[in-house]
Amino acid sequence: PAHLLAFGWETTVHARSNGRIEIDSQVYKPIGPDLFQQVDGSQRIAFRLDENGRVNHLFFDADPTMAFERLRWWETTPVQISALVVPLLVFLSTLAGWVVRTSLKKQISMEIARWVATAMGLLGIAIVGLAGAGMMNAAEIVYGLPAALQYAVWLVFPFFILVFVTIGFSLRLWLRKLWTPLQRLHYTLLAASGLVFVWFLLCWNLVPDL
């Protein structure tokens, strides 16, 4: 999925009251319908509208092969980064807790729930690591699917399964009042983080073709 190369790369268009617009500190004046030219410069930009008259694409004449697509709020960089970083931190905290419990050799009921949570965290971290490794070579990802990214995509399916198993365990923990309230809350946060990470993977089409 070559669109992964655009992760975190976005630009903001500011409309001024005099009809001009500003993009990355550059001001553009209107010279035609949905067509603007840089003030004190020669660069031109154009907007494409959808059937409802809303702007959905931006084009720069400096690179006519590239188009900017209008983002919805959940597609913006802050939201996407949060959907990646927050679950990753929860996965890491789960693994840290697993290491502590293992060193203390503490036996707790429903230990299988902890193993499922640990496996889900490991898979989530592995997916991020492999996807990051696969994106290191831009040319390779444009013309094909790097091996590391392919492995990441195939890990998504077992990750999905573990997410829903974790949700089931979370419900059982609350219904039966197992563990302490804080432990139940952390496990529920883990399950919710898994769902958020699933949404993130779907947004970037990092799912296997079945």
N, C-alpha and C. Protein backbone atom coordinates (compact mmCIF):
# COMPACT_ATOMS: atom_id res chain seq x y z
N PRO A 1 0.83 -1.21 0.00
CA PRO A 1 0.00 0.00 0.00
C PRO A 1 0.86 1.26 0.00
N ALA A 2 1.01 1.81 -1.20
CA ALA A 2 1.91 2.96 -1.35
C ALA A 2 1.43 4.18 -0.57
N HIS A 3 0.13 4.25 -0.26
CA HIS A 3 -0.37 5.42 0.45
C HIS A 3 0.21 5.53 1.86
N LEU A 4 0.85 4.47 2.35
CA LEU A 4 1.50 4.54 3.65
C LEU A 4 2.62 5.57 3.67
N LEU A 5 3.20 5.85 2.49
CA LEU A 5 4.27 6.84 2.41
C LEU A 5 3.77 8.24 2.74
N ALA A 6 2.45 8.45 2.67
CA ALA A 6 1.89 9.76 2.97
C ALA A 6 1.52 9.92 4.44
N PHE A 7 1.84 8.88 5.25
CA PHE A 7 1.49 8.95 6.66
C PHE A 7 2.19 10.14 7.33
N GLY A 8 1.41 11.00 7.97
CA GLY A 8 1.95 12.17 8.64
C GLY A 8 2.26 13.33 7.73
N TRP A 9 2.02 13.17 6.43
CA TRP A 9 2.33 14.23 5.47
C TRP A 9 1.02 14.88 5.04
N GLU A 10 0.72 16.02 5.60
CA GLU A 10 -0.49 16.74 5.23
C GLU A 10 -0.21 18.23 5.26
N THR A 11 -1.04 18.97 4.56
CA THR A 11 -0.90 20.42 4.52
C THR A 11 -2.26 21.04 4.79
N THR A 12 -2.25 22.24 5.35
CA THR A 12 -3.49 22.91 5.74
C THR A 12 -3.71 24.13 4.85
N VAL A 13 -4.94 24.27 4.38
CA VAL A 13 -5.33 25.41 3.55
C VAL A 13 -6.13 26.38 4.40
N HIS A 14 -5.66 27.63 4.48
CA HIS A 14 -6.35 28.67 5.24
C HIS A 14 -6.98 29.66 4.27
N ALA A 15 -8.28 29.88 4.43
CA ALA A 15 -8.99 30.84 3.58
C ALA A 15 -8.98 32.21 4.25
N ARG A 16 -8.62 33.23 3.47
CA ARG A 16 -8.62 34.60 3.97
C ARG A 16 -9.90 35.32 3.56
N SER A 17 -10.21 36.39 4.27
CA SER A 17 -11.46 37.12 4.02
C SER A 17 -11.45 37.84 2.67
N ASN A 18 -10.26 38.11 2.12
CA ASN A 18 -10.18 38.81 0.84
C ASN A 18 -10.21 37.87 -0.36
N GLY A 19 -10.50 36.61 -0.12
CA GLY A 19 -10.60 35.65 -1.21
C GLY A 19 -9.31 34.92 -1.50
N ARG A 20 -8.24 35.34 -0.85
CA ARG A 20 -6.97 34.65 -1.04
C ARG A 20 -6.88 33.47 -0.06
N ILE A 21 -5.94 32.58 -0.33
CA ILE A 21 -5.72 31.42 0.55
C ILE A 21 -4.24 31.33 0.89
N GLU A 22 -3.97 30.66 2.00
CA GLU A 22 -2.60 30.49 2.46
C GLU A 22 -2.31 29.01 2.68
N ILE A 23 -1.20 28.57 2.11
CA ILE A 23 -0.76 27.18 2.25
C ILE A 23 0.72 27.18 2.60
N ASP A 24 1.04 26.67 3.77
CA ASP A 24 2.44 26.58 4.20
C ASP A 24 3.15 27.93 4.08
N SER A 25 2.51 28.97 4.60
CA SER A 25 3.05 30.34 4.64
C SER A 25 3.12 31.00 3.27
N GLN A 26 2.62 30.32 2.24
CA GLN A 26 2.58 30.90 0.91
C GLN A 26 1.15 31.37 0.61
N VAL A 27 1.02 32.59 0.07
CA VAL A 27 -0.29 33.17 -0.21
C VAL A 27 -0.58 33.05 -1.70
N TYR A 28 -1.82 32.67 -2.00
CA TYR A 28 -2.25 32.50 -3.38
C TYR A 28 -3.48 33.36 -3.64
N LYS A 29 -3.53 33.96 -4.83
CA LYS A 29 -4.67 34.80 -5.21
C LYS A 29 -5.49 34.10 -6.29
N PRO A 30 -6.81 34.33 -6.31
CA PRO A 30 -7.64 33.67 -7.32
C PRO A 30 -7.42 34.29 -8.70
N ILE A 31 -7.30 33.43 -9.70
CA ILE A 31 -7.15 33.90 -11.08
C ILE A 31 -8.18 33.23 -12.00
N GLY A 32 -9.01 32.38 -11.43
CA GLY A 32 -10.03 31.70 -12.20
C GLY A 32 -10.84 30.81 -11.30
N PRO A 33 -11.87 30.14 -11.84
CA PRO A 33 -12.69 29.24 -11.02
C PRO A 33 -11.84 28.12 -10.41
N ASP A 34 -11.74 28.14 -9.08
CA ASP A 34 -10.99 27.12 -8.35
C ASP A 34 -9.52 27.06 -8.75
N LEU A 35 -9.02 28.17 -9.28
CA LEU A 35 -7.63 28.25 -9.72
C LEU A 35 -6.97 29.45 -9.04
N PHE A 36 -5.77 29.22 -8.47
CA PHE A 36 -5.06 30.26 -7.72
C PHE A 36 -3.60 30.30 -8.16
N GLN A 37 -3.02 31.50 -8.04
CA GLN A 37 -1.61 31.66 -8.36
C GLN A 37 -0.90 32.28 -7.17
N GLN A 38 0.33 31.85 -6.96
CA GLN A 38 1.12 32.33 -5.84
C GLN A 38 1.40 33.83 -5.98
N VAL A 39 1.18 34.57 -4.90
CA VAL A 39 1.52 35.98 -4.88
C VAL A 39 3.04 36.11 -4.87
N ASP A 40 3.55 36.98 -5.72
CA ASP A 40 5.01 37.15 -5.85
C ASP A 40 5.67 35.84 -6.26
N GLY A 41 4.98 35.06 -7.06
CA GLY A 41 5.54 33.81 -7.53
C GLY A 41 4.75 33.32 -8.73
N SER A 42 5.19 32.22 -9.32
CA SER A 42 4.55 31.70 -10.54
C SER A 42 3.79 30.40 -10.31
N GLN A 43 3.90 29.81 -9.11
CA GLN A 43 3.26 28.52 -8.88
C GLN A 43 1.74 28.66 -8.84
N ARG A 44 1.08 27.72 -9.45
CA ARG A 44 -0.38 27.71 -9.47
C ARG A 44 -0.90 26.45 -8.78
N ILE A 45 -2.09 26.59 -8.22
CA ILE A 45 -2.76 25.45 -7.61
C ILE A 45 -4.20 25.43 -8.08
N ALA A 46 -4.79 24.25 -8.07
CA ALA A 46 -6.18 24.11 -8.51
C ALA A 46 -6.90 23.16 -7.56
N PHE A 47 -8.18 23.43 -7.38
CA PHE A 47 -9.01 22.58 -6.54
C PHE A 47 -10.02 21.83 -7.42
N ARG A 48 -10.32 20.61 -7.01
CA ARG A 48 -11.36 19.83 -7.68
C ARG A 48 -12.51 19.65 -6.71
N LEU A 49 -13.73 19.84 -7.19
CA LEU A 49 -14.92 19.76 -6.35
C LEU A 49 -15.68 18.47 -6.62
N ASP A 50 -16.41 18.00 -5.61
CA ASP A 50 -17.24 16.83 -5.80
C ASP A 50 -18.61 17.25 -6.34
N GLU A 51 -19.52 16.29 -6.43
CA GLU A 51 -20.84 16.59 -7.00
C GLU A 51 -21.66 17.54 -6.14
N ASN A 52 -21.28 17.70 -4.88
CA ASN A 52 -21.98 18.61 -3.98
C ASN A 52 -21.32 19.98 -3.89
N GLY A 53 -20.29 20.20 -4.69
CA GLY A 53 -19.63 21.49 -4.70
C GLY A 53 -18.61 21.67 -3.59
N ARG A 54 -18.24 20.59 -2.90
CA ARG A 54 -17.24 20.65 -1.84
C ARG A 54 -15.86 20.27 -2.40
N VAL A 55 -14.86 21.01 -1.96
CA VAL A 55 -13.49 20.73 -2.40
C VAL A 55 -13.05 19.37 -1.86
N ASN A 56 -12.53 18.53 -2.76
CA ASN A 56 -12.05 17.22 -2.30
C ASN A 56 -10.62 16.91 -2.73
N HIS A 57 -10.05 17.72 -3.65
CA HIS A 57 -8.67 17.49 -4.07
C HIS A 57 -7.97 18.83 -4.33
N LEU A 58 -6.66 18.82 -4.12
CA LEU A 58 -5.80 19.97 -4.36
C LEU A 58 -4.64 19.53 -5.24
N PHE A 59 -4.33 20.35 -6.26
CA PHE A 59 -3.25 20.02 -7.18
C PHE A 59 -2.28 21.20 -7.28
N PHE A 60 -0.98 20.89 -7.36
CA PHE A 60 0.07 21.88 -7.57
C PHE A 60 0.65 21.69 -8.97
N ASP A 61 0.80 22.78 -9.69
CA ASP A 61 1.34 22.63 -11.04
C ASP A 61 2.82 22.25 -11.03
N ALA A 62 3.50 22.47 -9.89
CA ALA A 62 4.90 22.07 -9.80
C ALA A 62 5.06 20.56 -9.88
N ASP A 63 4.02 19.82 -9.47
CA ASP A 63 4.05 18.36 -9.53
C ASP A 63 2.65 17.88 -9.88
N PRO A 64 2.29 17.93 -11.17
CA PRO A 64 0.92 17.58 -11.58
C PRO A 64 0.55 16.12 -11.37
N THR A 65 1.55 15.26 -11.10
CA THR A 65 1.25 13.84 -10.89
C THR A 65 0.81 13.55 -9.45
N MET A 66 0.93 14.54 -8.57
CA MET A 66 0.59 14.35 -7.16
C MET A 66 -0.67 15.13 -6.82
N ALA A 67 -1.55 14.53 -6.05
CA ALA A 67 -2.79 15.17 -5.63
C ALA A 67 -2.95 15.07 -4.12
N PHE A 68 -3.45 16.12 -3.51
CA PHE A 68 -3.78 16.11 -2.10
C PHE A 68 -5.27 15.88 -1.95
N GLU A 69 -5.63 14.92 -1.12
CA GLU A 69 -7.04 14.59 -0.89
C GLU A 69 -7.51 15.20 0.43
N ARG A 70 -8.70 15.76 0.41
CA ARG A 70 -9.23 16.37 1.63
C ARG A 70 -9.50 15.29 2.67
N LEU A 71 -9.03 15.55 3.88
CA LEU A 71 -9.14 14.57 4.95
C LEU A 71 -10.34 14.84 5.83
N ARG A 72 -10.98 13.75 6.27
CA ARG A 72 -11.98 13.88 7.32
C ARG A 72 -11.26 13.92 8.66
N TRP A 73 -11.96 14.36 9.70
CA TRP A 73 -11.27 14.62 10.96
C TRP A 73 -10.55 13.39 11.51
N TRP A 74 -11.12 12.21 11.29
CA TRP A 74 -10.48 11.00 11.83
C TRP A 74 -9.30 10.53 10.97
N GLU A 75 -9.11 11.18 9.82
CA GLU A 75 -7.98 10.82 8.97
C GLU A 75 -6.79 11.76 9.16
N THR A 76 -6.95 12.79 9.99
CA THR A 76 -5.88 13.75 10.20
C THR A 76 -4.72 13.12 10.98
N THR A 77 -3.55 13.72 10.84
CA THR A 77 -2.34 13.17 11.45
C THR A 77 -2.46 13.01 12.97
N PRO A 78 -2.94 14.02 13.72
CA PRO A 78 -3.02 13.83 15.18
C PRO A 78 -3.88 12.64 15.59
N VAL A 79 -5.01 12.44 14.91
CA VAL A 79 -5.89 11.32 15.26
C VAL A 79 -5.23 10.00 14.90
N GLN A 80 -4.61 9.94 13.72
CA GLN A 80 -3.98 8.69 13.28
C GLN A 80 -2.77 8.33 14.15
N ILE A 81 -1.99 9.33 14.51
CA ILE A 81 -0.84 9.06 15.38
C ILE A 81 -1.32 8.58 16.75
N SER A 82 -2.39 9.20 17.26
CA SER A 82 -2.94 8.76 18.55
C SER A 82 -3.44 7.33 18.47
N ALA A 83 -4.07 6.98 17.33
CA ALA A 83 -4.59 5.62 17.15
C ALA A 83 -3.47 4.61 17.02
N LEU A 84 -2.27 5.07 16.74
CA LEU A 84 -1.12 4.17 16.66
C LEU A 84 -0.33 4.14 17.97
N VAL A 85 -0.06 5.31 18.53
CA VAL A 85 0.82 5.40 19.69
C VAL A 85 0.15 4.91 20.97
N VAL A 86 -1.12 5.30 21.20
CA VAL A 86 -1.80 4.92 22.44
C VAL A 86 -1.92 3.40 22.57
N PRO A 87 -2.44 2.69 21.55
CA PRO A 87 -2.46 1.23 21.68
C PRO A 87 -1.08 0.62 21.86
N LEU A 88 -0.08 1.19 21.18
CA LEU A 88 1.27 0.66 21.31
C LEU A 88 1.79 0.79 22.74
N LEU A 89 1.49 1.92 23.38
CA LEU A 89 1.91 2.11 24.78
C LEU A 89 1.20 1.13 25.71
N VAL A 90 -0.09 0.88 25.44
CA VAL A 90 -0.84 -0.07 26.25
C VAL A 90 -0.28 -1.48 26.06
N PHE A 91 0.07 -1.82 24.81
CA PHE A 91 0.67 -3.14 24.56
C PHE A 91 1.98 -3.28 25.33
N LEU A 92 2.79 -2.23 25.30
CA LEU A 92 4.07 -2.28 26.01
C LEU A 92 3.86 -2.40 27.52
N SER A 93 2.86 -1.69 28.05
CA SER A 93 2.59 -1.79 29.50
C SER A 93 2.12 -3.18 29.87
N THR A 94 1.38 -3.82 28.96
CA THR A 94 0.93 -5.19 29.21
C THR A 94 2.11 -6.15 29.26
N LEU A 95 3.05 -5.97 28.34
CA LEU A 95 4.23 -6.82 28.33
C LEU A 95 5.08 -6.59 29.58
N ALA A 96 5.19 -5.33 30.00
CA ALA A 96 5.94 -5.03 31.21
C ALA A 96 5.31 -5.69 32.42
N GLY A 97 3.98 -5.65 32.49
CA GLY A 97 3.27 -6.31 33.59
C GLY A 97 3.47 -7.80 33.57
N TRP A 98 3.51 -8.37 32.37
CA TRP A 98 3.72 -9.81 32.25
C TRP A 98 5.10 -10.20 32.79
N VAL A 99 6.12 -9.38 32.46
CA VAL A 99 7.47 -9.66 32.95
C VAL A 99 7.52 -9.60 34.47
N VAL A 100 6.85 -8.60 35.06
CA VAL A 100 6.85 -8.46 36.52
C VAL A 100 6.16 -9.65 37.16
N ARG A 101 5.01 -10.03 36.62
CA ARG A 101 4.26 -11.16 37.20
C ARG A 101 5.05 -12.45 37.07
N THR A 102 5.76 -12.61 35.96
CA THR A 102 6.55 -13.82 35.76
C THR A 102 7.70 -13.90 36.76
N SER A 103 8.33 -12.74 37.00
CA SER A 103 9.45 -12.72 37.95
C SER A 103 8.99 -12.97 39.38
N LEU A 104 7.75 -12.56 39.68
CA LEU A 104 7.22 -12.79 41.03
C LEU A 104 6.56 -14.15 41.17
N LYS A 105 6.34 -14.82 40.00
CA LYS A 105 5.70 -16.13 39.98
C LYS A 105 4.35 -16.09 40.72
N LYS A 106 3.58 -15.06 40.39
CA LYS A 106 2.30 -14.89 41.06
C LYS A 106 1.21 -15.65 40.31
N GLN A 107 0.52 -16.50 41.00
CA GLN A 107 -0.54 -17.29 40.39
C GLN A 107 -1.89 -16.60 40.58
N ILE A 108 -2.56 -16.33 39.50
CA ILE A 108 -3.85 -15.63 39.54
C ILE A 108 -4.84 -16.40 38.67
N SER A 109 -6.09 -16.41 39.09
CA SER A 109 -7.11 -17.10 38.30
C SER A 109 -7.24 -16.46 36.93
N MET A 110 -7.74 -17.23 35.97
CA MET A 110 -7.89 -16.80 34.58
C MET A 110 -6.55 -16.37 33.99
N GLU A 111 -5.52 -17.13 34.29
CA GLU A 111 -4.19 -16.79 33.78
C GLU A 111 -4.15 -16.83 32.26
N ILE A 112 -5.04 -17.61 31.65
CA ILE A 112 -5.08 -17.68 30.19
C ILE A 112 -5.42 -16.31 29.60
N ALA A 113 -6.22 -15.52 30.33
CA ALA A 113 -6.56 -14.18 29.85
C ALA A 113 -5.31 -13.32 29.74
N ARG A 114 -4.40 -13.49 30.67
CA ARG A 114 -3.15 -12.73 30.63
C ARG A 114 -2.27 -13.18 29.46
N TRP A 115 -2.26 -14.47 29.19
CA TRP A 115 -1.46 -14.96 28.06
C TRP A 115 -2.02 -14.45 26.73
N VAL A 116 -3.33 -14.41 26.63
CA VAL A 116 -3.96 -13.87 25.41
C VAL A 116 -3.61 -12.40 25.25
N ALA A 117 -3.69 -11.64 26.35
CA ALA A 117 -3.36 -10.22 26.30
C ALA A 117 -1.90 -10.02 25.91
N THR A 118 -1.01 -10.85 26.46
CA THR A 118 0.41 -10.75 26.14
C THR A 118 0.66 -11.06 24.68
N ALA A 119 0.01 -12.10 24.17
CA ALA A 119 0.17 -12.47 22.76
C ALA A 119 -0.34 -11.36 21.85
N MET A 120 -1.46 -10.75 22.21
CA MET A 120 -2.00 -9.67 21.41
C MET A 120 -1.05 -8.48 21.40
N GLY A 121 -0.48 -8.16 22.56
CA GLY A 121 0.48 -7.07 22.63
C GLY A 121 1.71 -7.33 21.79
N LEU A 122 2.23 -8.56 21.85
CA LEU A 122 3.40 -8.92 21.05
C LEU A 122 3.11 -8.81 19.56
N LEU A 123 1.93 -9.29 19.15
CA LEU A 123 1.57 -9.21 17.73
C LEU A 123 1.43 -7.76 17.28
N GLY A 124 0.81 -6.93 18.13
CA GLY A 124 0.65 -5.52 17.78
C GLY A 124 2.00 -4.84 17.59
N ILE A 125 2.92 -5.09 18.50
CA ILE A 125 4.25 -4.50 18.40
C ILE A 125 4.99 -5.04 17.17
N ALA A 126 4.83 -6.34 16.90
CA ALA A 126 5.48 -6.93 15.73
C ALA A 126 4.94 -6.33 14.43
N ILE A 127 3.63 -6.10 14.37
CA ILE A 127 3.02 -5.50 13.17
C ILE A 127 3.60 -4.11 12.92
N VAL A 128 3.68 -3.31 13.99
CA VAL A 128 4.23 -1.95 13.84
C VAL A 128 5.70 -2.01 13.41
N GLY A 129 6.47 -2.89 14.03
CA GLY A 129 7.88 -3.00 13.69
C GLY A 129 8.11 -3.45 12.26
N LEU A 130 7.37 -4.46 11.83
CA LEU A 130 7.53 -4.96 10.47
C LEU A 130 7.05 -3.95 9.43
N ALA A 131 5.93 -3.27 9.73
CA ALA A 131 5.42 -2.25 8.81
C ALA A 131 6.42 -1.11 8.69
N GLY A 132 7.01 -0.71 9.81
CA GLY A 132 8.01 0.34 9.76
C GLY A 132 9.23 -0.06 8.95
N ALA A 133 9.66 -1.32 9.11
CA ALA A 133 10.79 -1.81 8.33
C ALA A 133 10.47 -1.87 6.85
N GLY A 134 9.22 -2.24 6.54
CA GLY A 134 8.82 -2.32 5.13
C GLY A 134 8.73 -0.97 4.45
N MET A 135 8.54 0.10 5.23
CA MET A 135 8.41 1.44 4.66
C MET A 135 9.75 2.14 4.50
N MET A 136 10.84 1.49 4.88
CA MET A 136 12.15 2.12 4.79
C MET A 136 12.57 2.37 3.35
N ASN A 137 12.12 1.50 2.44
CA ASN A 137 12.47 1.64 1.03
C ASN A 137 11.25 2.12 0.26
N ALA A 138 11.21 3.43 -0.06
CA ALA A 138 10.04 4.01 -0.71
C ALA A 138 9.80 3.42 -2.09
N ALA A 139 10.89 3.20 -2.85
CA ALA A 139 10.74 2.68 -4.21
C ALA A 139 10.11 1.29 -4.20
N GLU A 140 10.52 0.47 -3.25
CA GLU A 140 10.02 -0.90 -3.20
C GLU A 140 8.54 -0.94 -2.87
N ILE A 141 8.08 -0.05 -1.98
CA ILE A 141 6.68 -0.06 -1.58
C ILE A 141 5.78 0.51 -2.67
N VAL A 142 6.35 1.38 -3.53
CA VAL A 142 5.56 1.94 -4.62
C VAL A 142 5.28 0.89 -5.69
N TYR A 143 6.28 0.06 -5.97
CA TYR A 143 6.15 -0.90 -7.07
C TYR A 143 5.85 -2.32 -6.62
N GLY A 144 5.70 -2.52 -5.33
CA GLY A 144 5.37 -3.85 -4.85
C GLY A 144 5.19 -3.85 -3.34
N LEU A 145 5.04 -5.02 -2.79
CA LEU A 145 4.84 -5.16 -1.35
C LEU A 145 6.11 -5.75 -0.74
N PRO A 146 6.86 -4.95 0.05
CA PRO A 146 8.08 -5.48 0.67
C PRO A 146 7.78 -6.69 1.55
N ALA A 147 8.76 -7.56 1.70
CA ALA A 147 8.55 -8.79 2.47
C ALA A 147 8.16 -8.48 3.91
N ALA A 148 8.83 -7.50 4.53
CA ALA A 148 8.52 -7.16 5.93
C ALA A 148 7.08 -6.69 6.07
N LEU A 149 6.63 -5.88 5.12
CA LEU A 149 5.25 -5.38 5.17
C LEU A 149 4.26 -6.51 4.90
N GLN A 150 4.63 -7.45 4.06
CA GLN A 150 3.77 -8.59 3.79
C GLN A 150 3.60 -9.45 5.05
N TYR A 151 4.68 -9.65 5.79
CA TYR A 151 4.59 -10.40 7.04
C TYR A 151 3.70 -9.66 8.04
N ALA A 152 3.82 -8.34 8.08
CA ALA A 152 2.99 -7.54 8.99
C ALA A 152 1.52 -7.71 8.66
N VAL A 153 1.20 -7.71 7.37
CA VAL A 153 -0.20 -7.84 6.95
C VAL A 153 -0.76 -9.20 7.37
N TRP A 154 0.04 -10.25 7.24
CA TRP A 154 -0.46 -11.58 7.60
C TRP A 154 -0.58 -11.78 9.10
N LEU A 155 0.12 -10.99 9.88
CA LEU A 155 -0.04 -11.05 11.33
C LEU A 155 -1.32 -10.37 11.80
N VAL A 156 -1.92 -9.58 10.91
CA VAL A 156 -3.13 -8.85 11.28
C VAL A 156 -4.29 -9.80 11.58
N PHE A 157 -4.41 -10.87 10.82
CA PHE A 157 -5.54 -11.78 11.01
C PHE A 157 -5.54 -12.43 12.40
N PRO A 158 -4.43 -13.05 12.84
CA PRO A 158 -4.44 -13.57 14.22
C PRO A 158 -4.60 -12.47 15.26
N PHE A 159 -4.12 -11.26 14.93
CA PHE A 159 -4.30 -10.15 15.87
C PHE A 159 -5.78 -9.84 16.04
N PHE A 160 -6.53 -9.83 14.93
CA PHE A 160 -7.98 -9.61 15.00
C PHE A 160 -8.63 -10.62 15.94
N ILE A 161 -8.26 -11.89 15.78
CA ILE A 161 -8.86 -12.95 16.60
C ILE A 161 -8.58 -12.72 18.08
N LEU A 162 -7.34 -12.39 18.39
CA LEU A 162 -6.96 -12.16 19.80
C LEU A 162 -7.66 -10.94 20.38
N VAL A 163 -7.92 -9.94 19.55
CA VAL A 163 -8.65 -8.76 20.05
C VAL A 163 -10.04 -9.15 20.53
N PHE A 164 -10.74 -9.93 19.74
CA PHE A 164 -12.11 -10.30 20.12
C PHE A 164 -12.11 -11.29 21.29
N VAL A 165 -11.09 -12.14 21.37
CA VAL A 165 -10.98 -13.01 22.53
C VAL A 165 -10.73 -12.19 23.79
N THR A 166 -9.90 -11.16 23.67
CA THR A 166 -9.62 -10.27 24.79
C THR A 166 -10.87 -9.54 25.24
N ILE A 167 -11.69 -9.12 24.29
CA ILE A 167 -12.95 -8.46 24.64
C ILE A 167 -13.84 -9.42 25.43
N GLY A 168 -13.88 -10.68 25.01
CA GLY A 168 -14.68 -11.67 25.73
C GLY A 168 -14.18 -11.87 27.15
N PHE A 169 -12.87 -11.96 27.32
CA PHE A 169 -12.30 -12.10 28.66
C PHE A 169 -12.59 -10.87 29.51
N SER A 170 -12.54 -9.70 28.89
CA SER A 170 -12.81 -8.46 29.63
C SER A 170 -14.23 -8.46 30.19
N LEU A 171 -15.18 -8.88 29.38
CA LEU A 171 -16.56 -8.95 29.85
C LEU A 171 -16.70 -9.96 31.00
N ARG A 172 -16.02 -11.08 30.86
CA ARG A 172 -16.09 -12.10 31.90
C ARG A 172 -15.49 -11.61 33.21
N LEU A 173 -14.39 -10.86 33.11
CA LEU A 173 -13.76 -10.34 34.32
C LEU A 173 -14.70 -9.42 35.10
N TRP A 174 -15.45 -8.59 34.37
CA TRP A 174 -16.36 -7.65 35.03
C TRP A 174 -17.60 -8.36 35.57
N LEU A 175 -18.13 -9.30 34.79
CA LEU A 175 -19.34 -9.99 35.21
C LEU A 175 -19.10 -10.85 36.44
N ARG A 176 -17.93 -11.48 36.50
CA ARG A 176 -17.61 -12.35 37.63
C ARG A 176 -16.79 -11.66 38.72
N LYS A 177 -16.47 -10.38 38.46
CA LYS A 177 -15.71 -9.57 39.43
C LYS A 177 -14.39 -10.25 39.82
N LEU A 178 -13.70 -10.75 38.79
CA LEU A 178 -12.40 -11.36 39.01
C LEU A 178 -11.32 -10.29 39.03
N TRP A 179 -10.23 -10.55 39.69
CA TRP A 179 -9.11 -9.62 39.82
C TRP A 179 -9.56 -8.36 40.57
N THR A 180 -8.66 -7.41 40.67
CA THR A 180 -8.99 -6.15 41.34
C THR A 180 -9.62 -5.20 40.31
N PRO A 181 -10.36 -4.17 40.76
CA PRO A 181 -10.95 -3.21 39.81
C PRO A 181 -9.90 -2.57 38.90
N LEU A 182 -8.73 -2.25 39.43
CA LEU A 182 -7.68 -1.63 38.62
C LEU A 182 -7.17 -2.59 37.55
N GLN A 183 -7.04 -3.87 37.91
CA GLN A 183 -6.60 -4.85 36.93
C GLN A 183 -7.64 -5.05 35.84
N ARG A 184 -8.92 -5.08 36.25
CA ARG A 184 -9.99 -5.20 35.25
C ARG A 184 -10.00 -3.99 34.33
N LEU A 185 -9.78 -2.80 34.90
CA LEU A 185 -9.78 -1.58 34.10
C LEU A 185 -8.64 -1.59 33.08
N HIS A 186 -7.47 -2.03 33.51
CA HIS A 186 -6.33 -2.10 32.59
C HIS A 186 -6.59 -3.12 31.48
N TYR A 187 -7.20 -4.23 31.82
CA TYR A 187 -7.49 -5.24 30.80
C TYR A 187 -8.52 -4.72 29.80
N THR A 188 -9.51 -3.98 30.31
CA THR A 188 -10.51 -3.38 29.42
C THR A 188 -9.87 -2.34 28.51
N LEU A 189 -8.94 -1.56 29.07
CA LEU A 189 -8.20 -0.58 28.27
C LEU A 189 -7.40 -1.27 27.18
N LEU A 190 -6.84 -2.42 27.50
CA LEU A 190 -6.10 -3.19 26.50
C LEU A 190 -7.02 -3.64 25.37
N ALA A 191 -8.20 -4.15 25.74
CA ALA A 191 -9.16 -4.59 24.71
C ALA A 191 -9.59 -3.42 23.83
N ALA A 192 -9.87 -2.26 24.46
CA ALA A 192 -10.27 -1.08 23.70
C ALA A 192 -9.13 -0.61 22.79
N SER A 193 -7.91 -0.68 23.28
CA SER A 193 -6.75 -0.30 22.47
C SER A 193 -6.60 -1.22 21.27
N GLY A 194 -6.90 -2.50 21.48
CA GLY A 194 -6.86 -3.45 20.37
C GLY A 194 -7.86 -3.08 19.28
N LEU A 195 -9.06 -2.66 19.69
CA LEU A 195 -10.07 -2.23 18.72
C LEU A 195 -9.62 -0.98 17.97
N VAL A 196 -9.05 -0.04 18.69
CA VAL A 196 -8.56 1.19 18.05
C VAL A 196 -7.47 0.85 17.03
N PHE A 197 -6.59 -0.07 17.41
CA PHE A 197 -5.51 -0.46 16.50
C PHE A 197 -6.07 -1.18 15.28
N VAL A 198 -7.11 -1.99 15.46
CA VAL A 198 -7.78 -2.63 14.33
C VAL A 198 -8.33 -1.57 13.37
N TRP A 199 -8.96 -0.53 13.94
CA TRP A 199 -9.49 0.57 13.12
C TRP A 199 -8.36 1.25 12.35
N PHE A 200 -7.23 1.45 13.01
CA PHE A 200 -6.08 2.07 12.36
C PHE A 200 -5.61 1.21 11.18
N LEU A 201 -5.52 -0.09 11.38
CA LEU A 201 -5.08 -0.99 10.31
C LEU A 201 -6.04 -0.99 9.14
N LEU A 202 -7.33 -0.93 9.44
CA LEU A 202 -8.34 -0.88 8.37
C LEU A 202 -8.26 0.44 7.60
N CYS A 203 -8.00 1.54 8.31
CA CYS A 203 -7.88 2.84 7.65
C CYS A 203 -6.76 2.84 6.62
N TRP A 204 -5.67 2.15 6.93
CA TRP A 204 -4.51 2.13 6.04
C TRP A 204 -4.47 0.87 5.19
N ASN A 205 -5.57 0.12 5.19
CA ASN A 205 -5.71 -1.06 4.34
C ASN A 205 -4.61 -2.09 4.60
N LEU A 206 -4.19 -2.19 5.85
CA LEU A 206 -3.18 -3.18 6.24
C LEU A 206 -3.86 -4.47 6.70
N VAL A 207 -4.61 -5.05 5.80
CA VAL A 207 -5.35 -6.27 6.10
C VAL A 207 -5.08 -7.27 4.98
N PRO A 208 -5.05 -8.55 5.30
CA PRO A 208 -4.79 -9.56 4.26
C PRO A 208 -5.98 -9.73 3.34
N ASP A 209 -5.70 -10.05 2.07
CA ASP A 209 -6.74 -10.35 1.10
C ASP A 209 -7.14 -11.81 1.25
N LEU A 210 -8.36 -12.02 1.72
CA LEU A 210 -8.82 -13.40 1.95
C LEU A 210 -9.66 -13.87 0.76
